[in-house]
Amino acid sequence: MNSTDSSALATEWTDPRDEIEIGVLMANGRLAPRRFSSHAEAQAWAHEDEGERVVEMNAVCSCDS
């Protein structure tokens, strides 16, 4: 493998504390079985009147920023 090949495989490091996922916590205490690209999309999908709520979580770690 030459240097061009190895540089193409390199990825940019991201802080795991910044990898936030948006989900919907359903009334039964389980997370909705889908992912949302934005907080607004999750709010539009959630039935807040039925006890569902939008949550943000870090699936990589439970670390404080």
PDB file of N, CA and C in Angstrom:
ATOM      1  N   MET A   1       0.856  -1.171   0.000  1.00  0.00           N
ATOM      2  CA  MET A   1       0.000   0.000   0.000  1.00  0.00           C
ATOM      3  C   MET A   1       0.896   1.225   0.000  1.00  0.00           C
ATOM      4  N   ASN A   2       0.628   2.184  -0.876  1.00  0.00           N
ATOM      5  CA  ASN A   2       1.442   3.393  -0.900  1.00  0.00           C
ATOM      6  C   ASN A   2       0.816   4.474  -0.034  1.00  0.00           C
ATOM      7  N   SER A   3       1.474   5.625   0.059  1.00  0.00           N
ATOM      8  CA  SER A   3       1.007   6.677   0.958  1.00  0.00           C
ATOM      9  C   SER A   3      -0.351   7.237   0.541  1.00  0.00           C
ATOM     10  N   THR A   4      -0.636   7.228  -0.742  1.00  0.00           N
ATOM     11  CA  THR A   4      -1.940   7.713  -1.210  1.00  0.00           C
ATOM     12  C   THR A   4      -3.053   6.813  -0.702  1.00  0.00           C
ATOM     13  N   ASP A   5      -2.842   5.491  -0.741  1.00  0.00           N
ATOM     14  CA  ASP A   5      -3.849   4.560  -0.261  1.00  0.00           C
ATOM     15  C   ASP A   5      -4.080   4.707   1.240  1.00  0.00           C
ATOM     16  N   SER A   6      -3.014   4.861   1.997  1.00  0.00           N
ATOM     17  CA  SER A   6      -3.167   4.952   3.451  1.00  0.00           C
ATOM     18  C   SER A   6      -3.827   6.258   3.863  1.00  0.00           C
ATOM     19  N   SER A   7      -3.584   7.350   3.150  1.00  0.00           N
ATOM     20  CA  SER A   7      -4.232   8.608   3.514  1.00  0.00           C
ATOM     21  C   SER A   7      -5.722   8.569   3.193  1.00  0.00           C
ATOM     22  N   ALA A   8      -6.122   7.806   2.197  1.00  0.00           N
ATOM     23  CA  ALA A   8      -7.540   7.676   1.866  1.00  0.00           C
ATOM     24  C   ALA A   8      -8.285   6.907   2.945  1.00  0.00           C
ATOM     25  N   LEU A   9      -7.590   6.042   3.674  1.00  0.00           N
ATOM     26  CA  LEU A   9      -8.224   5.254   4.724  1.00  0.00           C
ATOM     27  C   LEU A   9      -8.315   5.998   6.054  1.00  0.00           C
ATOM     28  N   ALA A  10      -7.539   7.066   6.191  1.00  0.00           N
ATOM     29  CA  ALA A  10      -7.542   7.822   7.445  1.00  0.00           C
ATOM     30  C   ALA A  10      -8.873   8.548   7.602  1.00  0.00           C
ATOM     31  N   THR A  11      -9.385   8.543   8.821  1.00  0.00           N
ATOM     32  CA  THR A  11     -10.628   9.265   9.097  1.00  0.00           C
ATOM     33  C   THR A  11     -10.363  10.340  10.122  1.00  0.00           C
ATOM     34  N   GLU A  12     -11.175  11.354  10.086  1.00  0.00           N
ATOM     35  CA  GLU A  12     -11.018  12.449  11.030  1.00  0.00           C
ATOM     36  C   GLU A  12     -11.562  12.037  12.387  1.00  0.00           C
ATOM     37  N   TRP A  13     -10.799  12.295  13.433  1.00  0.00           N
ATOM     38  CA  TRP A  13     -11.195  11.939  14.796  1.00  0.00           C
ATOM     39  C   TRP A  13     -12.302  12.868  15.254  1.00  0.00           C
ATOM     40  N   THR A  14     -13.297  12.315  15.905  1.00  0.00           N
ATOM     41  CA  THR A  14     -14.352  13.114  16.518  1.00  0.00           C
ATOM     42  C   THR A  14     -14.441  12.753  17.990  1.00  0.00           C
ATOM     43  N   ASP A  15     -14.740  13.736  18.786  1.00  0.00           N
ATOM     44  CA  ASP A  15     -14.869  13.534  20.228  1.00  0.00           C
ATOM     45  C   ASP A  15     -16.145  12.735  20.493  1.00  0.00           C
ATOM     46  N   PRO A  16     -16.053  11.583  21.150  1.00  0.00           N
ATOM     47  CA  PRO A  16     -17.246  10.772  21.390  1.00  0.00           C
ATOM     48  C   PRO A  16     -18.308  11.484  22.227  1.00  0.00           C
ATOM     49  N   ARG A  17     -17.923  12.493  22.994  1.00  0.00           N
ATOM     50  CA  ARG A  17     -18.896  13.252  23.779  1.00  0.00           C
ATOM     51  C   ARG A  17     -19.794  14.095  22.894  1.00  0.00           C
ATOM     52  N   ASP A  18     -19.370  14.328  21.644  1.00  0.00           N
ATOM     53  CA  ASP A  18     -20.153  15.137  20.712  1.00  0.00           C
ATOM     54  C   ASP A  18     -21.063  14.306  19.819  1.00  0.00           C
ATOM     55  N   GLU A  19     -21.027  13.002  19.936  1.00  0.00           N
ATOM     56  CA  GLU A  19     -21.825  12.125  19.086  1.00  0.00           C
ATOM     57  C   GLU A  19     -23.191  11.886  19.737  1.00  0.00           C
ATOM     58  N   ILE A  20     -24.067  12.839  19.525  1.00  0.00           N
ATOM     59  CA  ILE A  20     -25.395  12.836  20.145  1.00  0.00           C
ATOM     60  C   ILE A  20     -26.413  12.289  19.151  1.00  0.00           C
ATOM     61  N   GLU A  21     -27.258  11.391  19.627  1.00  0.00           N
ATOM     62  CA  GLU A  21     -28.349  10.852  18.823  1.00  0.00           C
ATOM     63  C   GLU A  21     -29.663  11.370  19.386  1.00  0.00           C
ATOM     64  N   ILE A  22     -30.618  11.575  18.510  1.00  0.00           N
ATOM     65  CA  ILE A  22     -31.930  12.063  18.913  1.00  0.00           C
ATOM     66  C   ILE A  22     -32.911  10.910  18.770  1.00  0.00           C
ATOM     67  N   GLY A  23     -33.703  10.698  19.806  1.00  0.00           N
ATOM     68  CA  GLY A  23     -34.668   9.615  19.777  1.00  0.00           C
ATOM     69  C   GLY A  23     -35.968  10.027  20.436  1.00  0.00           C
ATOM     70  N   VAL A  24     -36.905   9.098  20.437  1.00  0.00           N
ATOM     71  CA  VAL A  24     -38.183   9.328  21.103  1.00  0.00           C
ATOM     72  C   VAL A  24     -38.357   8.242  22.153  1.00  0.00           C
ATOM     73  N   LEU A  25     -38.552   8.672  23.383  1.00  0.00           N
ATOM     74  CA  LEU A  25     -38.850   7.754  24.471  1.00  0.00           C
ATOM     75  C   LEU A  25     -40.357   7.584  24.508  1.00  0.00           C
ATOM     76  N   MET A  26     -40.804   6.366  24.221  1.00  0.00           N
ATOM     77  CA  MET A  26     -42.235   6.104  24.144  1.00  0.00           C
ATOM     78  C   MET A  26     -42.825   5.974  25.545  1.00  0.00           C
ATOM     79  N   ALA A  27     -44.121   6.030  25.627  1.00  0.00           N
ATOM     80  CA  ALA A  27     -44.824   5.998  26.913  1.00  0.00           C
ATOM     81  C   ALA A  27     -44.551   4.717  27.696  1.00  0.00           C
ATOM     82  N   ASN A  28     -44.211   3.624  26.989  1.00  0.00           N
ATOM     83  CA  ASN A  28     -43.934   2.358  27.675  1.00  0.00           C
ATOM     84  C   ASN A  28     -42.491   2.273  28.195  1.00  0.00           C
ATOM     85  N   GLY A  29     -41.706   3.358  28.053  1.00  0.00           N
ATOM     86  CA  GLY A  29     -40.340   3.394  28.566  1.00  0.00           C
ATOM     87  C   GLY A  29     -39.291   2.897  27.588  1.00  0.00           C
ATOM     88  N   ARG A  30     -39.690   2.496  26.406  1.00  0.00           N
ATOM     89  CA  ARG A  30     -38.744   2.026  25.391  1.00  0.00           C
ATOM     90  C   ARG A  30     -38.471   3.129  24.378  1.00  0.00           C
ATOM     91  N   LEU A  31     -37.296   3.041  23.768  1.00  0.00           N
ATOM     92  CA  LEU A  31     -36.970   3.976  22.704  1.00  0.00           C
ATOM     93  C   LEU A  31     -37.646   3.545  21.413  1.00  0.00           C
ATOM     94  N   ALA A  32     -38.079   4.513  20.639  1.00  0.00           N
ATOM     95  CA  ALA A  32     -38.676   4.220  19.340  1.00  0.00           C
ATOM     96  C   ALA A  32     -37.637   3.508  18.480  1.00  0.00           C
ATOM     97  N   PRO A  33     -38.059   2.533  17.688  1.00  0.00           N
ATOM     98  CA  PRO A  33     -37.110   1.743  16.889  1.00  0.00           C
ATOM     99  C   PRO A  33     -36.706   2.437  15.593  1.00  0.00           C
ATOM    100  N   ARG A  34     -36.334   3.692  15.675  1.00  0.00           N
ATOM    101  CA  ARG A  34     -35.850   4.438  14.507  1.00  0.00           C
ATOM    102  C   ARG A  34     -34.979   5.594  14.959  1.00  0.00           C
ATOM    103  N   ARG A  35     -34.264   6.158  14.002  1.00  0.00           N
ATOM    104  CA  ARG A  35     -33.391   7.299  14.283  1.00  0.00           C
ATOM    105  C   ARG A  35     -33.956   8.542  13.617  1.00  0.00           C
ATOM    106  N   PHE A  36     -33.626   9.678  14.176  1.00  0.00           N
ATOM    107  CA  PHE A  36     -34.115  10.949  13.657  1.00  0.00           C
ATOM    108  C   PHE A  36     -32.920  11.837  13.334  1.00  0.00           C
ATOM    109  N   SER A  37     -33.042  12.594  12.257  1.00  0.00           N
ATOM    110  CA  SER A  37     -31.931  13.446  11.846  1.00  0.00           C
ATOM    111  C   SER A  37     -31.944  14.801  12.549  1.00  0.00           C
ATOM    112  N   SER A  38     -33.073  15.149  13.155  1.00  0.00           N
ATOM    113  CA  SER A  38     -33.141  16.429  13.859  1.00  0.00           C
ATOM    114  C   SER A  38     -34.131  16.344  15.014  1.00  0.00           C
ATOM    115  N   HIS A  39     -34.005  17.294  15.907  1.00  0.00           N
ATOM    116  CA  HIS A  39     -34.910  17.385  17.045  1.00  0.00           C
ATOM    117  C   HIS A  39     -36.332  17.653  16.547  1.00  0.00           C
ATOM    118  N   ALA A  40     -36.456  18.515  15.523  1.00  0.00           N
ATOM    119  CA  ALA A  40     -37.772  18.846  14.974  1.00  0.00           C
ATOM    120  C   ALA A  40     -38.441  17.624  14.348  1.00  0.00           C
ATOM    121  N   GLU A  41     -37.662  16.793  13.660  1.00  0.00           N
ATOM    122  CA  GLU A  41     -38.221  15.583  13.057  1.00  0.00           C
ATOM    123  C   GLU A  41     -38.745  14.635  14.139  1.00  0.00           C
ATOM    124  N   ALA A  42     -38.003  14.504  15.215  1.00  0.00           N
ATOM    125  CA  ALA A  42     -38.427  13.634  16.316  1.00  0.00           C
ATOM    126  C   ALA A  42     -39.685  14.186  16.986  1.00  0.00           C
ATOM    127  N   GLN A  43     -39.746  15.496  17.164  1.00  0.00           N
ATOM    128  CA  GLN A  43     -40.931  16.106  17.768  1.00  0.00           C
ATOM    129  C   GLN A  43     -42.163  15.895  16.899  1.00  0.00           C
ATOM    130  N   ALA A  44     -41.995  15.977  15.583  1.00  0.00           N
ATOM    131  CA  ALA A  44     -43.123  15.774  14.681  1.00  0.00           C
ATOM    132  C   ALA A  44     -43.615  14.334  14.736  1.00  0.00           C
ATOM    133  N   TRP A  45     -42.721  13.389  15.003  1.00  0.00           N
ATOM    134  CA  TRP A  45     -43.078  11.965  15.046  1.00  0.00           C
ATOM    135  C   TRP A  45     -43.672  11.569  16.392  1.00  0.00           C
ATOM    136  N   ALA A  46     -43.201  12.189  17.464  1.00  0.00           N
ATOM    137  CA  ALA A  46     -43.624  11.816  18.817  1.00  0.00           C
ATOM    138  C   ALA A  46     -45.068  12.223  19.088  1.00  0.00           C
ATOM    139  N   HIS A  47     -45.736  11.414  19.877  1.00  0.00           N
ATOM    140  CA  HIS A  47     -47.089  11.720  20.344  1.00  0.00           C
ATOM    141  C   HIS A  47     -46.961  12.184  21.794  1.00  0.00           C
ATOM    142  N   GLU A  48     -46.614  13.438  21.952  1.00  0.00           N
ATOM    143  CA  GLU A  48     -46.379  13.976  23.294  1.00  0.00           C
ATOM    144  C   GLU A  48     -47.631  13.928  24.155  1.00  0.00           C
ATOM    145  N   ASP A  49     -48.798  14.012  23.541  1.00  0.00           N
ATOM    146  CA  ASP A  49     -50.049  13.942  24.300  1.00  0.00           C
ATOM    147  C   ASP A  49     -50.296  12.549  24.867  1.00  0.00           C
ATOM    148  N   GLU A  50     -49.550  11.537  24.364  1.00  0.00           N
ATOM    149  CA  GLU A  50     -49.661  10.166  24.861  1.00  0.00           C
ATOM    150  C   GLU A  50     -48.491   9.793  25.780  1.00  0.00           C
ATOM    151  N   GLY A  51     -47.673  10.793  26.148  1.00  0.00           N
ATOM    152  CA  GLY A  51     -46.571  10.556  27.075  1.00  0.00           C
ATOM    153  C   GLY A  51     -45.226  10.303  26.421  1.00  0.00           C
ATOM    154  N   GLU A  52     -45.128  10.407  25.101  1.00  0.00           N
ATOM    155  CA  GLU A  52     -43.837  10.232  24.432  1.00  0.00           C
ATOM    156  C   GLU A  52     -43.074  11.544  24.501  1.00  0.00           C
ATOM    157  N   ARG A  53     -41.740  11.428  24.542  1.00  0.00           N
ATOM    158  CA  ARG A  53     -40.937  12.647  24.579  1.00  0.00           C
ATOM    159  C   ARG A  53     -39.642  12.462  23.820  1.00  0.00           C
ATOM    160  N   VAL A  54     -39.139  13.567  23.301  1.00  0.00           N
ATOM    161  CA  VAL A  54     -37.888  13.577  22.555  1.00  0.00           C
ATOM    162  C   VAL A  54     -36.733  13.568  23.549  1.00  0.00           C
ATOM    163  N   VAL A  55     -35.746  12.716  23.283  1.00  0.00           N
ATOM    164  CA  VAL A  55     -34.567  12.633  24.139  1.00  0.00           C
ATOM    165  C   VAL A  55     -33.309  12.719  23.287  1.00  0.00           C
ATOM    166  N   GLU A  56     -32.257  13.220  23.884  1.00  0.00           N
ATOM    167  CA  GLU A  56     -30.938  13.245  23.250  1.00  0.00           C
ATOM    168  C   GLU A  56     -30.038  12.365  24.080  1.00  0.00           C
ATOM    169  N   MET A  57     -29.285  11.508  23.409  1.00  0.00           N
ATOM    170  CA  MET A  57     -28.427  10.585  24.140  1.00  0.00           C
ATOM    171  C   MET A  57     -27.106  10.402  23.415  1.00  0.00           C
ATOM    172  N   ASN A  58     -26.145   9.948  24.168  1.00  0.00           N
ATOM    173  CA  ASN A  58     -24.846   9.623  23.604  1.00  0.00           C
ATOM    174  C   ASN A  58     -24.714   8.113  23.685  1.00  0.00           C
ATOM    175  N   ALA A  59     -24.818   7.446  22.532  1.00  0.00           N
ATOM    176  CA  ALA A  59     -24.780   5.988  22.499  1.00  0.00           C
ATOM    177  C   ALA A  59     -23.354   5.447  22.631  1.00  0.00           C
ATOM    178  N   VAL A  60     -22.360   6.307  22.470  1.00  0.00           N
ATOM    179  CA  VAL A  60     -20.968   5.864  22.547  1.00  0.00           C
ATOM    180  C   VAL A  60     -20.494   5.779  23.987  1.00  0.00           C
ATOM    181  N   CYS A  61     -20.838   6.788  24.778  1.00  0.00           N
ATOM    182  CA  CYS A  61     -20.394   6.792  26.162  1.00  0.00           C
ATOM    183  C   CYS A  61     -21.353   7.568  27.039  1.00  0.00           C
ATOM    184  N   SER A  62     -21.282   7.326  28.313  1.00  0.00           N
ATOM    185  CA  SER A  62     -22.066   8.089  29.281  1.00  0.00           C
ATOM    186  C   SER A  62     -21.144   9.080  29.966  1.00  0.00           C
ATOM    187  N   CYS A  63     -20.547   9.924  29.170  1.00  0.00           N
ATOM    188  CA  CYS A  63     -19.517  10.812  29.711  1.00  0.00           C
ATOM    189  C   CYS A  63     -20.016  12.248  29.794  1.00  0.00           C
ATOM    190  N   ASP A  64     -19.494  12.972  30.746  1.00  0.00           N
ATOM    191  CA  ASP A  64     -19.823  14.397  30.885  1.00  0.00           C
ATOM    192  C   ASP A  64     -18.916  15.185  29.979  1.00  0.00           C
ATOM    193  N   SER A  65     -19.459  16.222  29.386  1.00  0.00           N
ATOM    194  CA  SER A  65     -18.622  17.056  28.516  1.00  0.00           C
ATOM    195  C   SER A  65     -17.993  18.183  29.267  1.00  0.00           C
TER     196      SER A  65
END
